[in-house]
Amino acid sequence: MSVKRTAEPSSDAVPTGNFLLDSFPADDLARLRPHLVESEVEAGEVLYEPGSEIDNVYFPRRGLVSIVSVLFSGQHVVSSILGRESGAGFVEACGGGLMHSRVIVQTPGTFWRVPTQPYRKAFNTSLTFRRAIGRHIEFLLTEARQEIACHAVHRAEHRLARVLLVCQDKSGLNELEMTQEMLATMVATQRTTISGVAISMKRRGMLDYARGRIRIRDVPALERQACECYATMKNLRDAMGQPADRPARA
């Protein structure tokens, strides 16, 4: 990973652009700022392998990370996607210190990186820091439960619209790097189904799709097609104070 620059401790009042970091109380975030390094990341970079020690915790500002479960058969399944609303390794760093999934950069962008030692020290010494982490874990669990219900009840075309909107919100980008295989895993359906739905969306002007790149064109139309789960989780994010800004259209 290429280092862009080190965050300046004097910029305490400036938001980091990562929701989880910016949810920390000011004193707690001030403890981390001297250790934050801003880095440019490329698609395909592996942040962690299963069984690896957590040397650094990552907080995206732009871009997406895939959490990949590796099965005994060698098959890889994308179990979740995270972006500027969350972080990678922030739970494991304060627990056993090991990552049990493969974590790969899906969409290139800019991440904050902090070494595990100062992050763990902040967690161990500050009750307010631990409460902020616990609140975010509660949000992630609620999101996971909503997705389970979504996969059980809602149709693929509605789930795909929801996934695309969520990925846009999480990445801060209008253009997403996603193969049909990845979308099929996230939507819990067949690749052929994803292909048909994506073609329909393209014809209706909702998006452009070619060579594993998706450019979102019509957000209101996607919102109308998305299942209720998108609005449900968006309302929860709003209630938690998560920024709801959308990326500017290209």
Protein backbone atom coordinates (compact mmCIF):
# COMPACT_ATOMS: atom_id res chain seq x y z
CA MET A 1 0.00 0.00 0.00
CA SER A 2 1.43 3.39 -1.00
CA VAL A 3 1.48 6.08 1.68
CA LYS A 4 0.09 9.42 0.58
CA ARG A 5 0.68 11.55 3.66
CA THR A 6 0.47 11.50 7.44
CA ALA A 7 -2.44 13.25 9.09
CA GLU A 8 -1.53 16.45 10.89
CA PRO A 9 -2.29 16.48 14.64
CA SER A 10 -3.24 20.16 14.31
CA SER A 11 -6.28 19.27 12.16
CA ASP A 12 -8.31 17.95 15.10
CA ALA A 13 -11.49 19.79 14.07
CA VAL A 14 -11.43 18.53 10.49
CA PRO A 15 -13.63 15.46 9.81
CA THR A 16 -11.73 12.43 8.59
CA GLY A 17 -14.37 11.43 6.04
CA ASN A 18 -14.86 8.05 7.70
CA PHE A 19 -18.09 7.73 9.68
CA LEU A 20 -16.72 5.36 12.33
CA LEU A 21 -13.68 7.54 13.04
CA ASP A 22 -15.80 10.69 13.11
CA SER A 23 -18.23 9.06 15.55
CA PHE A 24 -15.50 8.86 18.19
CA PRO A 25 -15.60 11.56 20.88
CA ALA A 26 -13.18 14.41 20.14
CA ASP A 27 -10.69 13.42 22.85
CA ASP A 28 -10.59 9.81 21.64
CA LEU A 29 -10.12 10.80 18.00
CA ALA A 30 -7.36 13.22 19.05
CA ARG A 31 -5.44 10.25 20.50
CA LEU A 32 -5.54 8.49 17.14
CA ARG A 33 -4.85 11.44 14.83
CA PRO A 34 -1.04 11.47 15.28
CA HIS A 35 -1.00 7.81 14.17
CA LEU A 36 -3.33 8.10 11.17
CA VAL A 37 -1.72 7.67 7.77
CA GLU A 38 -3.67 8.42 4.60
CA SER A 39 -3.00 5.86 1.87
CA GLU A 40 -4.07 5.33 -1.72
CA VAL A 41 -5.24 1.75 -2.33
CA GLU A 42 -5.70 -0.15 -5.56
CA ALA A 43 -8.30 -2.76 -6.46
CA GLY A 44 -7.11 -6.25 -5.59
CA GLU A 45 -4.84 -5.26 -2.70
CA VAL A 46 -5.14 -7.79 0.13
CA LEU A 47 -5.35 -6.15 3.55
CA TYR A 48 -5.59 -9.41 5.53
CA GLU A 49 -5.43 -13.13 4.91
CA PRO A 50 -7.25 -15.68 7.11
CA GLY A 51 -5.16 -16.28 10.23
CA SER A 52 -3.04 -13.14 9.81
CA GLU A 53 -2.26 -10.86 12.73
CA ILE A 54 -3.90 -7.44 12.80
CA ASP A 55 -0.94 -5.07 12.43
CA ASN A 56 -3.04 -2.15 11.20
CA VAL A 57 -6.69 -1.09 11.26
CA TYR A 58 -8.13 0.50 8.11
CA PHE A 59 -10.80 3.17 7.81
CA PRO A 60 -11.90 3.94 4.21
CA ARG A 61 -12.64 7.49 3.07
CA ARG A 62 -13.42 6.46 -0.51
CA GLY A 63 -13.61 2.98 -2.00
CA LEU A 64 -14.89 -0.43 -0.97
CA VAL A 65 -13.47 -3.48 0.78
CA SER A 66 -14.72 -7.05 0.32
CA ILE A 67 -14.86 -9.46 3.26
CA VAL A 68 -14.29 -12.87 1.71
CA SER A 69 -15.04 -16.20 3.40
CA VAL A 70 -12.75 -18.97 2.13
CA LEU A 71 -14.35 -22.45 2.19
CA PHE A 72 -12.54 -25.78 2.58
CA SER A 73 -13.29 -26.50 -1.08
CA GLY A 74 -11.31 -23.44 -2.07
CA GLN A 75 -14.41 -21.49 -3.09
CA HIS A 76 -14.52 -17.83 -2.16
CA VAL A 77 -17.72 -16.10 -1.07
CA VAL A 78 -18.06 -12.35 -0.55
CA SER A 79 -19.88 -12.19 2.77
CA SER A 80 -19.99 -8.40 3.14
CA ILE A 81 -18.83 -5.08 1.73
CA LEU A 82 -17.64 -2.13 3.79
CA GLY A 83 -16.60 1.42 3.02
CA ARG A 84 -16.50 4.88 4.58
CA GLU A 85 -19.17 3.94 7.12
CA SER A 86 -16.98 1.40 8.89
CA GLY A 87 -13.50 -0.09 9.16
CA ALA A 88 -11.52 -3.28 8.62
CA GLY A 89 -9.92 -5.03 11.57
CA PHE A 90 -11.34 -2.63 14.16
CA VAL A 91 -13.12 -5.46 16.05
CA GLU A 92 -10.42 -8.14 15.76
CA ALA A 93 -7.66 -5.71 16.84
CA CYS A 94 -9.30 -5.46 20.28
CA GLY A 95 -10.07 -9.17 20.56
CA GLY A 96 -7.93 -12.10 19.57
CA GLY A 97 -5.82 -10.00 17.23
CA LEU A 98 -6.31 -12.34 14.26
CA MET A 99 -8.34 -11.95 11.08
CA HIS A 100 -10.41 -14.99 10.11
CA SER A 101 -11.45 -13.81 6.63
CA ARG A 102 -9.69 -12.52 3.55
CA VAL A 103 -10.09 -8.76 3.20
CA ILE A 104 -9.53 -7.33 -0.28
CA VAL A 105 -9.83 -3.85 -1.75
CA GLN A 106 -12.75 -4.05 -4.17
CA THR A 107 -12.91 -0.47 -5.43
CA PRO A 108 -9.78 1.74 -5.31
CA GLY A 109 -9.81 4.78 -3.10
CA THR A 110 -8.28 6.43 -0.05
CA PHE A 111 -8.00 4.79 3.37
CA TRP A 112 -6.83 5.86 6.80
CA ARG A 113 -4.45 3.36 8.38
CA VAL A 114 -3.57 3.24 12.08
CA PRO A 115 -1.19 0.75 13.75
CA THR A 116 -2.88 -1.71 16.06
CA GLN A 117 -0.96 -0.72 19.20
CA PRO A 118 -2.21 2.89 19.57
CA TYR A 119 -5.68 1.82 18.45
CA ARG A 120 -5.82 -0.94 21.08
CA LYS A 121 -4.47 1.45 23.73
CA ALA A 122 -7.26 3.92 22.98
CA PHE A 123 -9.81 1.10 23.20
CA ASN A 124 -8.45 -0.22 26.52
CA THR A 125 -8.11 3.17 28.23
CA SER A 126 -11.30 4.97 27.15
CA LEU A 127 -14.84 3.99 28.07
CA THR A 128 -16.29 6.44 25.55
CA PHE A 129 -14.14 4.91 22.80
CA ARG A 130 -15.42 1.43 23.65
CA ARG A 131 -19.01 2.70 23.67
CA ALA A 132 -18.58 4.16 20.18
CA ILE A 133 -17.18 0.85 18.93
CA GLY A 134 -19.99 -1.08 20.61
CA ARG A 135 -22.61 1.21 19.05
CA HIS A 136 -21.15 0.62 15.62
CA ILE A 137 -21.06 -3.15 16.12
CA GLU A 138 -24.74 -2.94 17.08
CA PHE A 139 -25.42 -1.18 13.78
CA LEU A 140 -23.50 -3.84 11.81
CA LEU A 141 -25.47 -6.62 13.49
CA THR A 142 -28.76 -4.87 12.70
CA GLU A 143 -27.66 -4.45 9.09
CA ALA A 144 -26.73 -8.14 8.84
CA ARG A 145 -30.11 -9.21 10.25
CA GLN A 146 -31.93 -6.95 7.80
CA GLU A 147 -30.00 -8.51 4.92
CA ILE A 148 -30.97 -12.01 6.04
CA ALA A 149 -34.63 -10.98 5.99
CA CYS A 150 -34.15 -9.27 2.63
CA HIS A 151 -32.67 -12.37 1.00
CA ALA A 152 -35.53 -14.49 2.33
CA VAL A 153 -38.40 -12.27 1.16
CA HIS A 154 -37.54 -9.83 -1.62
CA ARG A 155 -37.06 -10.40 -5.35
CA ALA A 156 -33.64 -10.24 -7.02
CA GLU A 157 -34.31 -7.05 -8.99
CA HIS A 158 -35.23 -5.23 -5.77
CA ARG A 159 -32.26 -6.65 -3.88
CA LEU A 160 -29.85 -5.62 -6.64
CA ALA A 161 -31.11 -2.03 -6.60
CA ARG A 162 -30.60 -1.99 -2.82
CA VAL A 163 -27.07 -3.40 -3.09
CA LEU A 164 -26.04 -0.82 -5.69
CA LEU A 165 -27.39 2.07 -3.61
CA VAL A 166 -25.68 0.77 -0.46
CA CYS A 167 -22.36 0.36 -2.28
CA GLN A 168 -22.63 3.91 -3.61
CA ASP A 169 -23.33 5.22 -0.11
CA LYS A 170 -20.47 3.24 1.40
CA SER A 171 -17.89 4.02 -1.26
CA GLY A 172 -18.69 7.68 -1.91
CA LEU A 173 -18.33 6.88 -5.62
CA ASN A 174 -20.67 6.76 -8.61
CA GLU A 175 -18.54 4.21 -10.46
CA LEU A 176 -18.17 0.79 -8.85
CA GLU A 177 -15.86 -2.07 -9.82
CA MET A 178 -17.99 -5.19 -9.46
CA THR A 179 -18.16 -8.36 -11.49
CA GLN A 180 -21.40 -10.23 -12.08
CA GLU A 181 -20.06 -13.03 -9.87
CA MET A 182 -19.62 -10.63 -6.96
CA LEU A 183 -23.04 -9.08 -7.45
CA ALA A 184 -24.61 -12.53 -7.61
CA THR A 185 -23.00 -13.40 -4.26
CA MET A 186 -24.15 -10.17 -2.63
CA VAL A 187 -27.68 -10.45 -3.98
CA ALA A 188 -27.81 -14.22 -3.26
CA THR A 189 -28.89 -15.27 -6.73
CA GLN A 190 -27.55 -16.70 -9.99
CA ARG A 191 -25.17 -14.82 -12.28
CA THR A 192 -27.62 -15.20 -15.16
CA THR A 193 -30.29 -13.47 -13.07
CA ILE A 194 -27.93 -10.58 -12.31
CA SER A 195 -27.09 -10.26 -16.01
CA GLY A 196 -30.76 -10.03 -16.99
CA VAL A 197 -31.64 -7.52 -14.28
CA ALA A 198 -28.57 -5.37 -15.03
CA ILE A 199 -29.45 -5.28 -18.73
CA SER A 200 -32.99 -4.17 -17.85
CA MET A 201 -31.66 -1.43 -15.56
CA LYS A 202 -29.29 -0.25 -18.27
CA ARG A 203 -32.09 -0.05 -20.83
CA ARG A 204 -34.15 2.06 -18.42
CA GLY A 205 -31.25 4.50 -17.89
CA MET A 206 -30.57 3.59 -14.27
CA LEU A 207 -26.95 2.63 -14.87
CA ASP A 208 -24.20 1.91 -17.35
CA TYR A 209 -22.58 -1.51 -17.06
CA ALA A 210 -19.57 -2.87 -18.96
CA ARG A 211 -16.43 -4.88 -18.18
CA GLY A 212 -17.05 -5.15 -14.46
CA ARG A 213 -17.68 -1.43 -13.99
CA ILE A 214 -21.03 0.02 -12.99
CA ARG A 215 -21.80 3.72 -13.25
CA ILE A 216 -24.98 4.77 -11.47
CA ARG A 217 -27.01 7.22 -13.56
CA ASP A 218 -30.46 7.54 -11.96
CA VAL A 219 -30.50 7.32 -8.16
CA PRO A 220 -34.23 8.14 -7.73
CA ALA A 221 -35.14 5.34 -10.14
CA LEU A 222 -32.95 2.89 -8.23
CA GLU A 223 -34.55 3.99 -4.96
CA ARG A 224 -37.99 3.33 -6.40
CA GLN A 225 -36.93 -0.16 -7.47
CA ALA A 226 -35.09 -1.02 -4.25
CA CYS A 227 -36.85 -3.04 -1.56
CA GLU A 228 -37.89 -1.48 1.73
CA CYS A 229 -34.66 -2.69 3.37
CA TYR A 230 -32.67 0.16 1.83
CA ALA A 231 -34.93 2.82 3.34
CA THR A 232 -35.05 0.97 6.67
CA MET A 233 -31.27 0.91 7.03
CA LYS A 234 -30.87 4.42 5.67
CA ASN A 235 -33.25 5.68 8.35
CA LEU A 236 -31.15 3.90 10.97
CA ARG A 237 -27.95 5.47 9.61
CA ASP A 238 -29.62 8.88 9.67
CA ALA A 239 -30.71 8.33 13.27
CA MET A 240 -27.12 7.49 14.17
CA GLY A 241 -25.90 10.70 12.56
CA GLN A 242 -24.13 9.06 9.64
CA PRO A 243 -23.55 11.54 6.80
CA ALA A 244 -25.99 10.98 3.94
CA ASP A 245 -24.13 12.96 1.26
CA ARG A 246 -24.01 11.36 -2.17
CA PRO A 247 -21.07 11.54 -4.55
CA ALA A 248 -21.27 14.18 -7.23
CA ARG A 249 -22.37 12.88 -10.59
CA ALA A 250 -19.69 12.58 -13.23
